N, C-alpha and C. Protein backbone atom coordinates (compact mmCIF):
# COMPACT_ATOMS: atom_id res chain seq x y z
N MET A 1 -25.47 -7.76 -19.65
CA MET A 1 -26.38 -6.93 -18.90
C MET A 1 -26.43 -7.37 -17.43
N ALA A 2 -26.48 -8.68 -17.19
CA ALA A 2 -26.53 -9.18 -15.83
C ALA A 2 -25.28 -8.80 -15.05
N MET A 3 -24.14 -8.75 -15.74
CA MET A 3 -22.89 -8.41 -15.06
C MET A 3 -22.94 -6.98 -14.52
N SER A 4 -23.54 -6.06 -15.23
CA SER A 4 -23.64 -4.68 -14.76
C SER A 4 -24.45 -4.60 -13.47
N ARG A 5 -25.55 -5.34 -13.39
CA ARG A 5 -26.36 -5.37 -12.17
C ARG A 5 -25.56 -5.96 -11.02
N ILE A 6 -24.82 -7.04 -11.30
CA ILE A 6 -24.03 -7.69 -10.26
C ILE A 6 -22.90 -6.78 -9.79
N GLN A 7 -22.24 -6.13 -10.73
CA GLN A 7 -21.17 -5.21 -10.35
C GLN A 7 -21.73 -4.05 -9.53
N PHE A 8 -22.90 -3.56 -9.89
CA PHE A 8 -23.52 -2.48 -9.13
C PHE A 8 -23.82 -2.94 -7.71
N GLN A 9 -24.43 -4.11 -7.57
CA GLN A 9 -24.75 -4.63 -6.24
C GLN A 9 -23.47 -4.88 -5.44
N ALA A 10 -22.45 -5.42 -6.11
CA ALA A 10 -21.18 -5.67 -5.43
C ALA A 10 -20.55 -4.35 -5.00
N GLY A 11 -20.62 -3.35 -5.87
CA GLY A 11 -20.07 -2.03 -5.55
C GLY A 11 -20.73 -1.40 -4.34
N LEU A 12 -22.03 -1.66 -4.17
CA LEU A 12 -22.73 -1.16 -3.00
C LEU A 12 -22.30 -1.91 -1.75
N SER A 13 -21.93 -3.18 -1.90
CA SER A 13 -21.55 -4.01 -0.75
C SER A 13 -20.13 -3.75 -0.29
N LEU A 14 -19.20 -3.55 -1.22
CA LEU A 14 -17.78 -3.46 -0.86
C LEU A 14 -17.45 -2.29 0.05
N PRO A 15 -17.99 -1.08 -0.15
CA PRO A 15 -17.62 -0.02 0.79
C PRO A 15 -18.02 -0.33 2.24
N LYS A 16 -19.13 -1.02 2.42
CA LYS A 16 -19.56 -1.38 3.77
C LYS A 16 -18.72 -2.51 4.33
N PHE A 17 -18.29 -3.39 3.45
CA PHE A 17 -17.53 -4.58 3.84
C PHE A 17 -16.24 -4.61 3.02
N SER A 18 -15.35 -3.66 3.23
CA SER A 18 -14.16 -3.55 2.39
C SER A 18 -13.28 -4.79 2.48
N HIS A 19 -13.44 -5.55 3.52
CA HIS A 19 -12.68 -6.78 3.68
C HIS A 19 -13.40 -7.99 3.08
N LEU A 20 -14.51 -7.74 2.40
CA LEU A 20 -15.35 -8.81 1.88
C LEU A 20 -14.59 -9.63 0.84
N SER A 21 -14.56 -10.93 1.02
CA SER A 21 -13.89 -11.83 0.08
C SER A 21 -14.84 -12.15 -1.08
N SER A 22 -14.28 -12.74 -2.12
CA SER A 22 -15.11 -13.15 -3.26
C SER A 22 -16.14 -14.19 -2.83
N LEU A 23 -15.74 -15.07 -1.93
CA LEU A 23 -16.67 -16.11 -1.46
C LEU A 23 -17.84 -15.48 -0.69
N ALA A 24 -17.55 -14.52 0.18
CA ALA A 24 -18.61 -13.85 0.92
C ALA A 24 -19.49 -13.02 -0.03
N LEU A 25 -18.85 -12.41 -1.03
CA LEU A 25 -19.60 -11.64 -2.02
C LEU A 25 -20.53 -12.56 -2.81
N ARG A 26 -20.07 -13.77 -3.12
CA ARG A 26 -20.89 -14.76 -3.82
C ARG A 26 -22.15 -15.04 -3.01
N ARG A 27 -21.98 -15.27 -1.73
CA ARG A 27 -23.13 -15.55 -0.87
C ARG A 27 -24.06 -14.34 -0.78
N HIS A 28 -23.48 -13.17 -0.66
CA HIS A 28 -24.25 -11.93 -0.51
C HIS A 28 -25.09 -11.63 -1.75
N LEU A 29 -24.51 -11.87 -2.95
CA LEU A 29 -25.19 -11.54 -4.20
C LEU A 29 -26.00 -12.70 -4.76
N GLY A 30 -25.72 -13.92 -4.29
CA GLY A 30 -26.44 -15.08 -4.81
C GLY A 30 -26.01 -15.48 -6.21
N VAL A 31 -24.72 -15.34 -6.51
CA VAL A 31 -24.19 -15.71 -7.83
C VAL A 31 -23.12 -16.79 -7.65
N ASN A 32 -22.62 -17.34 -8.77
CA ASN A 32 -21.57 -18.34 -8.63
C ASN A 32 -20.24 -17.67 -8.29
N TYR A 33 -19.27 -18.49 -7.87
CA TYR A 33 -18.01 -17.95 -7.38
C TYR A 33 -17.26 -17.20 -8.47
N ARG A 34 -17.22 -17.74 -9.68
CA ARG A 34 -16.47 -17.10 -10.77
C ARG A 34 -17.02 -15.69 -11.06
N THR A 35 -18.34 -15.54 -11.05
CA THR A 35 -18.96 -14.24 -11.28
C THR A 35 -18.62 -13.28 -10.14
N ALA A 36 -18.69 -13.76 -8.91
CA ALA A 36 -18.36 -12.92 -7.75
C ALA A 36 -16.89 -12.52 -7.79
N TRP A 37 -16.01 -13.46 -8.15
CA TRP A 37 -14.58 -13.17 -8.22
C TRP A 37 -14.31 -12.09 -9.27
N LEU A 38 -14.94 -12.22 -10.43
CA LEU A 38 -14.75 -11.26 -11.50
C LEU A 38 -15.26 -9.87 -11.09
N ALA A 39 -16.45 -9.80 -10.51
CA ALA A 39 -17.00 -8.52 -10.06
C ALA A 39 -16.11 -7.90 -8.99
N HIS A 40 -15.68 -8.71 -8.02
CA HIS A 40 -14.82 -8.24 -6.94
C HIS A 40 -13.53 -7.66 -7.50
N ASN A 41 -12.89 -8.35 -8.42
CA ASN A 41 -11.62 -7.89 -8.96
C ASN A 41 -11.77 -6.67 -9.85
N LYS A 42 -12.87 -6.55 -10.59
CA LYS A 42 -13.10 -5.36 -11.41
C LYS A 42 -13.30 -4.13 -10.51
N ILE A 43 -14.03 -4.30 -9.44
CA ILE A 43 -14.26 -3.19 -8.52
C ILE A 43 -12.96 -2.80 -7.81
N MET A 44 -12.19 -3.79 -7.39
CA MET A 44 -10.92 -3.50 -6.73
C MET A 44 -9.96 -2.80 -7.69
N GLN A 45 -9.96 -3.19 -8.97
CA GLN A 45 -9.12 -2.54 -9.96
C GLN A 45 -9.54 -1.08 -10.15
N ALA A 46 -10.85 -0.85 -10.20
CA ALA A 46 -11.35 0.53 -10.34
C ALA A 46 -10.95 1.37 -9.13
N MET A 47 -11.02 0.78 -7.94
CA MET A 47 -10.62 1.49 -6.73
C MET A 47 -9.12 1.79 -6.76
N LYS A 48 -8.32 0.85 -7.26
CA LYS A 48 -6.88 1.04 -7.35
C LYS A 48 -6.55 2.18 -8.32
N GLU A 49 -7.24 2.20 -9.46
CA GLU A 49 -7.00 3.26 -10.45
C GLU A 49 -7.38 4.63 -9.89
N ARG A 50 -8.47 4.68 -9.16
CA ARG A 50 -8.90 5.95 -8.55
C ARG A 50 -7.88 6.41 -7.51
N ASP A 51 -7.41 5.48 -6.68
CA ASP A 51 -6.42 5.83 -5.67
C ASP A 51 -5.10 6.26 -6.29
N GLY A 52 -4.79 5.73 -7.48
CA GLY A 52 -3.55 6.10 -8.15
C GLY A 52 -3.47 7.57 -8.52
N ALA A 53 -4.62 8.20 -8.64
CA ALA A 53 -4.65 9.62 -9.01
C ALA A 53 -4.32 10.54 -7.83
N TYR A 54 -4.41 10.03 -6.60
CA TYR A 54 -4.14 10.84 -5.42
C TYR A 54 -2.64 10.99 -5.20
N VAL A 55 -2.25 12.14 -4.68
CA VAL A 55 -0.89 12.34 -4.20
C VAL A 55 -0.99 12.68 -2.71
N LEU A 56 0.01 12.29 -1.97
CA LEU A 56 0.03 12.55 -0.54
C LEU A 56 0.51 13.97 -0.29
N ARG A 57 -0.13 14.65 0.66
CA ARG A 57 0.17 16.05 0.96
C ARG A 57 0.45 16.22 2.45
N GLY A 58 1.03 17.36 2.80
CA GLY A 58 1.27 17.69 4.21
C GLY A 58 2.38 16.86 4.80
N LYS A 59 2.17 16.38 6.02
CA LYS A 59 3.15 15.54 6.70
C LYS A 59 2.95 14.10 6.25
N VAL A 60 4.04 13.45 5.85
CA VAL A 60 3.98 12.10 5.29
C VAL A 60 5.04 11.23 5.98
N GLN A 61 4.62 10.06 6.47
CA GLN A 61 5.54 9.06 6.98
C GLN A 61 5.75 8.04 5.87
N VAL A 62 7.00 7.63 5.66
CA VAL A 62 7.30 6.68 4.58
C VAL A 62 8.25 5.60 5.09
N ASP A 63 8.09 4.40 4.56
CA ASP A 63 8.98 3.29 4.93
C ASP A 63 9.05 2.31 3.78
N ALA A 64 10.08 1.52 3.79
CA ALA A 64 10.29 0.48 2.78
C ALA A 64 10.09 -0.88 3.45
N ALA A 65 9.60 -1.83 2.68
CA ALA A 65 9.39 -3.17 3.22
C ALA A 65 9.43 -4.18 2.08
N PHE A 66 9.53 -5.43 2.45
CA PHE A 66 9.43 -6.53 1.50
C PHE A 66 8.17 -7.31 1.83
N LEU A 67 7.41 -7.66 0.81
CA LEU A 67 6.24 -8.51 0.99
C LEU A 67 6.56 -9.88 0.40
N SER A 68 6.10 -10.91 1.09
CA SER A 68 6.34 -12.27 0.63
C SER A 68 5.42 -12.62 -0.52
N GLY A 69 5.90 -13.50 -1.37
CA GLY A 69 5.11 -13.98 -2.50
C GLY A 69 4.50 -15.33 -2.21
N GLU A 70 3.90 -15.94 -3.26
CA GLU A 70 3.22 -17.21 -3.11
C GLU A 70 4.15 -18.41 -3.22
N ARG A 71 5.32 -18.23 -3.86
CA ARG A 71 6.20 -19.36 -4.11
C ARG A 71 6.90 -19.83 -2.84
N CYS A 72 7.09 -21.13 -2.73
CA CYS A 72 7.82 -21.71 -1.61
C CYS A 72 9.26 -21.93 -2.03
N GLY A 73 10.12 -22.09 -1.05
CA GLY A 73 11.52 -22.36 -1.34
C GLY A 73 12.29 -21.08 -1.52
N GLY A 74 13.50 -21.22 -2.06
CA GLY A 74 14.35 -20.06 -2.25
C GLY A 74 15.04 -19.70 -0.96
N LYS A 75 15.94 -18.75 -1.05
CA LYS A 75 16.67 -18.37 0.15
C LYS A 75 15.84 -17.44 1.03
N PRO A 76 16.01 -17.49 2.32
CA PRO A 76 15.26 -16.62 3.23
C PRO A 76 15.89 -15.24 3.30
N GLY A 77 15.17 -14.30 3.88
CA GLY A 77 15.71 -12.98 4.14
C GLY A 77 15.42 -11.96 3.06
N ARG A 78 16.09 -10.80 3.17
CA ARG A 78 15.82 -9.66 2.31
C ARG A 78 16.15 -9.92 0.85
N GLY A 79 17.08 -10.78 0.54
CA GLY A 79 17.48 -11.02 -0.84
C GLY A 79 16.69 -12.11 -1.54
N SER A 80 15.65 -12.61 -0.92
CA SER A 80 14.89 -13.73 -1.48
C SER A 80 14.18 -13.33 -2.77
N GLU A 81 14.16 -14.25 -3.73
CA GLU A 81 13.44 -14.01 -4.98
C GLU A 81 11.93 -14.08 -4.77
N ASN A 82 11.50 -14.52 -3.61
CA ASN A 82 10.08 -14.61 -3.29
C ASN A 82 9.51 -13.33 -2.68
N LYS A 83 10.33 -12.32 -2.53
CA LYS A 83 9.87 -11.09 -1.88
C LYS A 83 9.86 -9.93 -2.86
N VAL A 84 8.88 -9.04 -2.67
CA VAL A 84 8.69 -7.89 -3.55
C VAL A 84 8.98 -6.63 -2.75
N PRO A 85 9.86 -5.75 -3.24
CA PRO A 85 10.11 -4.50 -2.52
C PRO A 85 8.96 -3.51 -2.72
N ILE A 86 8.50 -2.93 -1.63
CA ILE A 86 7.43 -1.93 -1.70
C ILE A 86 7.82 -0.68 -0.91
N VAL A 87 7.19 0.41 -1.25
CA VAL A 87 7.27 1.65 -0.48
C VAL A 87 5.85 1.93 0.00
N ALA A 88 5.71 2.16 1.29
CA ALA A 88 4.41 2.52 1.86
C ALA A 88 4.53 3.90 2.48
N ALA A 89 3.49 4.69 2.31
CA ALA A 89 3.50 6.05 2.85
C ALA A 89 2.10 6.40 3.33
N ILE A 90 2.05 7.25 4.34
CA ILE A 90 0.77 7.69 4.89
C ILE A 90 0.84 9.19 5.17
N SER A 91 -0.19 9.91 4.73
CA SER A 91 -0.24 11.34 5.03
C SER A 91 -1.08 11.55 6.28
N LEU A 92 -0.71 12.57 7.04
CA LEU A 92 -1.38 12.86 8.30
C LEU A 92 -2.03 14.24 8.25
N ASP A 93 -3.15 14.38 8.98
CA ASP A 93 -3.78 15.70 9.07
C ASP A 93 -3.05 16.54 10.11
N ASP A 94 -3.55 17.74 10.36
CA ASP A 94 -2.88 18.65 11.30
C ASP A 94 -2.85 18.12 12.73
N ALA A 95 -3.81 17.25 13.06
CA ALA A 95 -3.84 16.66 14.41
C ALA A 95 -2.97 15.41 14.51
N GLY A 96 -2.33 15.01 13.40
CA GLY A 96 -1.47 13.83 13.42
C GLY A 96 -2.20 12.53 13.17
N HIS A 97 -3.43 12.61 12.68
CA HIS A 97 -4.20 11.40 12.38
C HIS A 97 -4.07 11.05 10.90
N PRO A 98 -4.15 9.76 10.56
CA PRO A 98 -3.98 9.35 9.17
C PRO A 98 -5.08 9.86 8.25
N ARG A 99 -4.68 10.22 7.02
CA ARG A 99 -5.64 10.66 6.00
C ARG A 99 -5.67 9.70 4.83
N HIS A 100 -4.52 9.53 4.18
CA HIS A 100 -4.45 8.68 3.00
C HIS A 100 -3.20 7.79 3.07
N VAL A 101 -3.32 6.60 2.49
CA VAL A 101 -2.21 5.66 2.43
C VAL A 101 -1.94 5.34 0.96
N LYS A 102 -0.67 5.23 0.64
CA LYS A 102 -0.26 4.77 -0.69
C LYS A 102 0.76 3.67 -0.51
N ARG A 103 0.64 2.66 -1.36
CA ARG A 103 1.61 1.56 -1.37
C ARG A 103 1.95 1.32 -2.82
N ALA A 104 3.23 1.14 -3.10
CA ALA A 104 3.66 0.89 -4.47
C ALA A 104 4.82 -0.08 -4.49
N THR A 105 4.81 -0.95 -5.47
CA THR A 105 5.97 -1.81 -5.66
C THR A 105 7.02 -0.99 -6.41
N VAL A 106 8.27 -1.25 -6.10
CA VAL A 106 9.39 -0.59 -6.77
C VAL A 106 10.34 -1.67 -7.27
N ALA A 107 11.12 -1.34 -8.28
CA ALA A 107 12.06 -2.32 -8.84
C ALA A 107 13.13 -2.67 -7.81
N ALA A 108 13.56 -1.68 -7.06
CA ALA A 108 14.59 -1.87 -6.03
C ALA A 108 14.56 -0.66 -5.12
N PHE A 109 15.24 -0.76 -4.00
CA PHE A 109 15.36 0.39 -3.12
C PHE A 109 16.59 1.19 -3.55
N SER A 110 16.44 1.85 -4.69
CA SER A 110 17.53 2.63 -5.28
C SER A 110 17.12 4.10 -5.34
N PHE A 111 18.10 4.96 -5.52
CA PHE A 111 17.85 6.39 -5.62
C PHE A 111 16.88 6.68 -6.76
N ALA A 112 17.13 6.09 -7.93
CA ALA A 112 16.30 6.35 -9.11
C ALA A 112 14.86 5.89 -8.90
N ALA A 113 14.69 4.70 -8.33
CA ALA A 113 13.34 4.15 -8.12
C ALA A 113 12.55 5.01 -7.13
N ILE A 114 13.20 5.45 -6.07
CA ILE A 114 12.51 6.27 -5.07
C ILE A 114 12.24 7.67 -5.61
N ALA A 115 13.13 8.21 -6.43
CA ALA A 115 12.89 9.52 -7.04
C ALA A 115 11.65 9.46 -7.93
N ASP A 116 11.53 8.40 -8.73
CA ASP A 116 10.33 8.22 -9.57
C ASP A 116 9.08 8.08 -8.72
N TRP A 117 9.17 7.27 -7.66
CA TRP A 117 8.02 7.07 -6.78
C TRP A 117 7.61 8.40 -6.14
N ALA A 118 8.57 9.19 -5.68
CA ALA A 118 8.27 10.47 -5.02
C ALA A 118 7.56 11.43 -5.98
N GLN A 119 8.01 11.48 -7.22
CA GLN A 119 7.37 12.38 -8.20
C GLN A 119 5.94 11.96 -8.48
N ASP A 120 5.66 10.65 -8.46
CA ASP A 120 4.32 10.15 -8.75
C ASP A 120 3.39 10.21 -7.54
N SER A 121 3.93 10.09 -6.34
CA SER A 121 3.09 9.86 -5.16
C SER A 121 3.02 11.01 -4.17
N LEU A 122 3.94 11.96 -4.25
CA LEU A 122 4.00 13.03 -3.25
C LEU A 122 3.77 14.39 -3.88
N ALA A 123 3.01 15.22 -3.19
CA ALA A 123 2.77 16.59 -3.65
C ALA A 123 4.02 17.43 -3.38
N ILE A 124 4.28 18.36 -4.25
CA ILE A 124 5.43 19.24 -4.07
C ILE A 124 5.25 20.01 -2.76
N GLY A 125 6.32 20.06 -1.97
CA GLY A 125 6.30 20.80 -0.72
C GLY A 125 5.89 20.00 0.50
N CYS A 126 5.50 18.74 0.34
CA CYS A 126 5.11 17.97 1.53
C CYS A 126 6.35 17.66 2.37
N GLU A 127 6.12 17.39 3.65
CA GLU A 127 7.18 17.11 4.60
C GLU A 127 7.23 15.61 4.86
N VAL A 128 8.30 14.96 4.41
CA VAL A 128 8.42 13.50 4.50
C VAL A 128 9.40 13.13 5.60
N ILE A 129 9.00 12.17 6.41
CA ILE A 129 9.88 11.64 7.44
C ILE A 129 10.10 10.16 7.13
N SER A 130 11.37 9.74 7.16
CA SER A 130 11.69 8.34 6.88
C SER A 130 12.67 7.82 7.93
N ASP A 131 12.95 6.52 7.84
CA ASP A 131 13.84 5.89 8.80
C ASP A 131 15.32 6.01 8.43
N GLY A 132 15.64 6.81 7.44
CA GLY A 132 17.03 7.05 7.10
C GLY A 132 17.62 6.07 6.11
N LEU A 133 16.82 5.17 5.54
CA LEU A 133 17.31 4.28 4.50
C LEU A 133 17.88 5.13 3.38
N ALA A 134 19.05 4.78 2.89
CA ALA A 134 19.79 5.62 1.94
C ALA A 134 18.97 6.02 0.71
N CYS A 135 18.13 5.13 0.21
CA CYS A 135 17.37 5.44 -1.01
C CYS A 135 16.40 6.60 -0.80
N PHE A 136 15.98 6.87 0.43
CA PHE A 136 15.03 7.95 0.68
C PHE A 136 15.68 9.34 0.55
N ARG A 137 16.98 9.39 0.34
CA ARG A 137 17.63 10.68 0.04
C ARG A 137 17.12 11.24 -1.29
N ALA A 138 16.45 10.39 -2.07
CA ALA A 138 15.91 10.81 -3.37
C ALA A 138 14.58 11.56 -3.24
N VAL A 139 13.96 11.56 -2.08
CA VAL A 139 12.66 12.21 -1.90
C VAL A 139 12.68 13.69 -2.31
N PRO A 140 13.72 14.46 -1.98
CA PRO A 140 13.73 15.87 -2.42
C PRO A 140 13.73 16.04 -3.95
N GLU A 141 14.06 14.99 -4.68
CA GLU A 141 14.00 15.06 -6.15
C GLU A 141 12.55 15.31 -6.61
N GLY A 142 11.59 14.92 -5.79
CA GLY A 142 10.18 15.14 -6.10
C GLY A 142 9.66 16.48 -5.60
N GLY A 143 10.55 17.32 -5.07
CA GLY A 143 10.16 18.64 -4.61
C GLY A 143 9.65 18.65 -3.18
N CYS A 144 10.01 17.66 -2.39
CA CYS A 144 9.54 17.56 -1.01
C CYS A 144 10.68 17.81 -0.02
N LEU A 145 10.31 18.15 1.19
CA LEU A 145 11.28 18.25 2.28
C LEU A 145 11.43 16.85 2.87
N HIS A 146 12.64 16.50 3.30
CA HIS A 146 12.86 15.16 3.84
C HIS A 146 13.62 15.24 5.15
N GLN A 147 13.11 14.52 6.14
CA GLN A 147 13.78 14.40 7.43
C GLN A 147 14.04 12.92 7.67
N ALA A 148 15.27 12.55 7.87
CA ALA A 148 15.63 11.16 8.16
C ALA A 148 15.84 11.00 9.66
N VAL A 149 15.20 9.99 10.23
CA VAL A 149 15.36 9.69 11.65
C VAL A 149 16.03 8.33 11.74
N VAL A 150 17.22 8.29 12.28
CA VAL A 150 17.96 7.03 12.40
C VAL A 150 17.31 6.20 13.51
N VAL A 151 16.90 5.00 13.16
CA VAL A 151 16.15 4.17 14.11
C VAL A 151 16.95 2.98 14.61
N LYS A 152 18.18 2.85 14.18
CA LYS A 152 18.99 1.68 14.50
C LYS A 152 18.97 1.34 15.99
N GLY A 153 18.58 0.09 16.28
CA GLY A 153 18.60 -0.39 17.65
C GLY A 153 17.44 0.06 18.52
N ARG A 154 16.49 0.81 17.97
CA ARG A 154 15.36 1.29 18.76
C ARG A 154 14.12 0.48 18.43
N HIS A 155 13.32 0.22 19.42
CA HIS A 155 12.07 -0.52 19.27
C HIS A 155 11.01 0.43 18.70
N PRO A 156 10.08 -0.08 17.87
CA PRO A 156 9.03 0.80 17.32
C PRO A 156 8.27 1.60 18.36
N SER A 157 8.10 1.06 19.57
CA SER A 157 7.38 1.81 20.60
C SER A 157 8.16 3.05 21.04
N GLU A 158 9.48 3.09 20.76
CA GLU A 158 10.30 4.24 21.08
C GLU A 158 10.31 5.28 19.96
N LEU A 159 9.54 5.02 18.90
CA LEU A 159 9.53 5.89 17.72
C LEU A 159 8.12 6.37 17.40
N PRO A 160 7.57 7.29 18.21
CA PRO A 160 6.20 7.73 17.96
C PRO A 160 6.03 8.42 16.61
N GLU A 161 7.11 8.94 16.04
CA GLU A 161 7.01 9.61 14.75
C GLU A 161 6.70 8.64 13.61
N PHE A 162 6.83 7.33 13.86
CA PHE A 162 6.52 6.32 12.85
C PHE A 162 5.32 5.46 13.24
N ARG A 163 4.53 5.92 14.17
CA ARG A 163 3.41 5.13 14.67
C ARG A 163 2.48 4.66 13.55
N TRP A 164 2.07 5.56 12.68
CA TRP A 164 1.05 5.21 11.69
C TRP A 164 1.61 4.36 10.56
N ILE A 165 2.81 4.65 10.09
CA ILE A 165 3.36 3.84 9.01
C ILE A 165 3.68 2.43 9.51
N ASN A 166 4.12 2.32 10.77
CA ASN A 166 4.35 0.99 11.33
C ASN A 166 3.05 0.21 11.45
N THR A 167 1.97 0.89 11.80
CA THR A 167 0.66 0.24 11.88
C THR A 167 0.21 -0.24 10.50
N VAL A 168 0.39 0.60 9.49
CA VAL A 168 0.01 0.22 8.13
C VAL A 168 0.79 -1.01 7.69
N LEU A 169 2.09 -1.00 7.88
CA LEU A 169 2.91 -2.13 7.45
C LEU A 169 2.61 -3.40 8.23
N SER A 170 2.36 -3.28 9.52
CA SER A 170 2.06 -4.48 10.30
C SER A 170 0.72 -5.09 9.90
N ASN A 171 -0.22 -4.27 9.46
CA ASN A 171 -1.50 -4.80 8.98
C ASN A 171 -1.41 -5.29 7.54
N LEU A 172 -0.52 -4.73 6.77
CA LEU A 172 -0.38 -5.08 5.37
C LEU A 172 0.32 -6.42 5.17
N LYS A 173 1.35 -6.69 5.91
CA LYS A 173 2.16 -7.88 5.68
C LYS A 173 1.39 -9.18 5.78
N PRO A 174 0.54 -9.40 6.79
CA PRO A 174 -0.20 -10.66 6.83
C PRO A 174 -1.18 -10.82 5.68
N ALA A 175 -1.63 -9.72 5.09
CA ALA A 175 -2.62 -9.78 4.02
C ALA A 175 -1.97 -9.62 2.65
N SER A 176 -0.66 -9.80 2.56
CA SER A 176 0.03 -9.46 1.32
C SER A 176 -0.06 -10.50 0.23
N VAL A 177 -0.35 -11.74 0.55
CA VAL A 177 -0.40 -12.76 -0.49
C VAL A 177 -1.79 -12.72 -1.14
N VAL A 178 -1.81 -12.43 -2.43
CA VAL A 178 -3.07 -12.31 -3.17
C VAL A 178 -3.35 -13.63 -3.86
N PRO A 179 -4.50 -14.25 -3.59
CA PRO A 179 -4.81 -15.53 -4.23
C PRO A 179 -5.09 -15.35 -5.71
N SER A 180 -4.74 -16.35 -6.48
CA SER A 180 -5.01 -16.31 -7.91
C SER A 180 -6.38 -16.88 -8.21
N MET A 181 -6.84 -16.63 -9.42
CA MET A 181 -8.15 -17.12 -9.87
C MET A 181 -8.17 -18.63 -9.86
N PRO A 182 -9.25 -19.26 -9.33
CA PRO A 182 -9.32 -20.73 -9.29
C PRO A 182 -9.41 -21.33 -10.67
């Protein structure tokens, strides 16, 4: 019974402080760390499940990236066993402002993996723009229009069509390592 009250209070706090850590939530609710961690993770899981039901519509910017893991060692670079391949996408409103963001891990940057991702994450008929990575040729398999823009050798500031997805990825990468339960 006490957990329901704590989760309710935590749920009221998280939308205001979406960056709130378990430690800050512990202080805010006046509970021990383990209880705050559990409430925080249950709420975040519920938010993740709710977001999973959304599909991106309209104009969508998409990009692929690797996120680093917690393990040390291993070889550096794109082929490292410490990195997880992800696809990030953002839908824009008619004025070109961001509406919704989706991020998903994929097994690899392959045609099949991106085709599955597109069917799950994109609404039929949306207009997708990507950086021309070969695997994004699978986007039309999900019923979407796809425009590839070759970015080779160009600085992100020279690519206004990728402004929002670049912003999402640059903010996501430093926050990508998720701490485990103490």
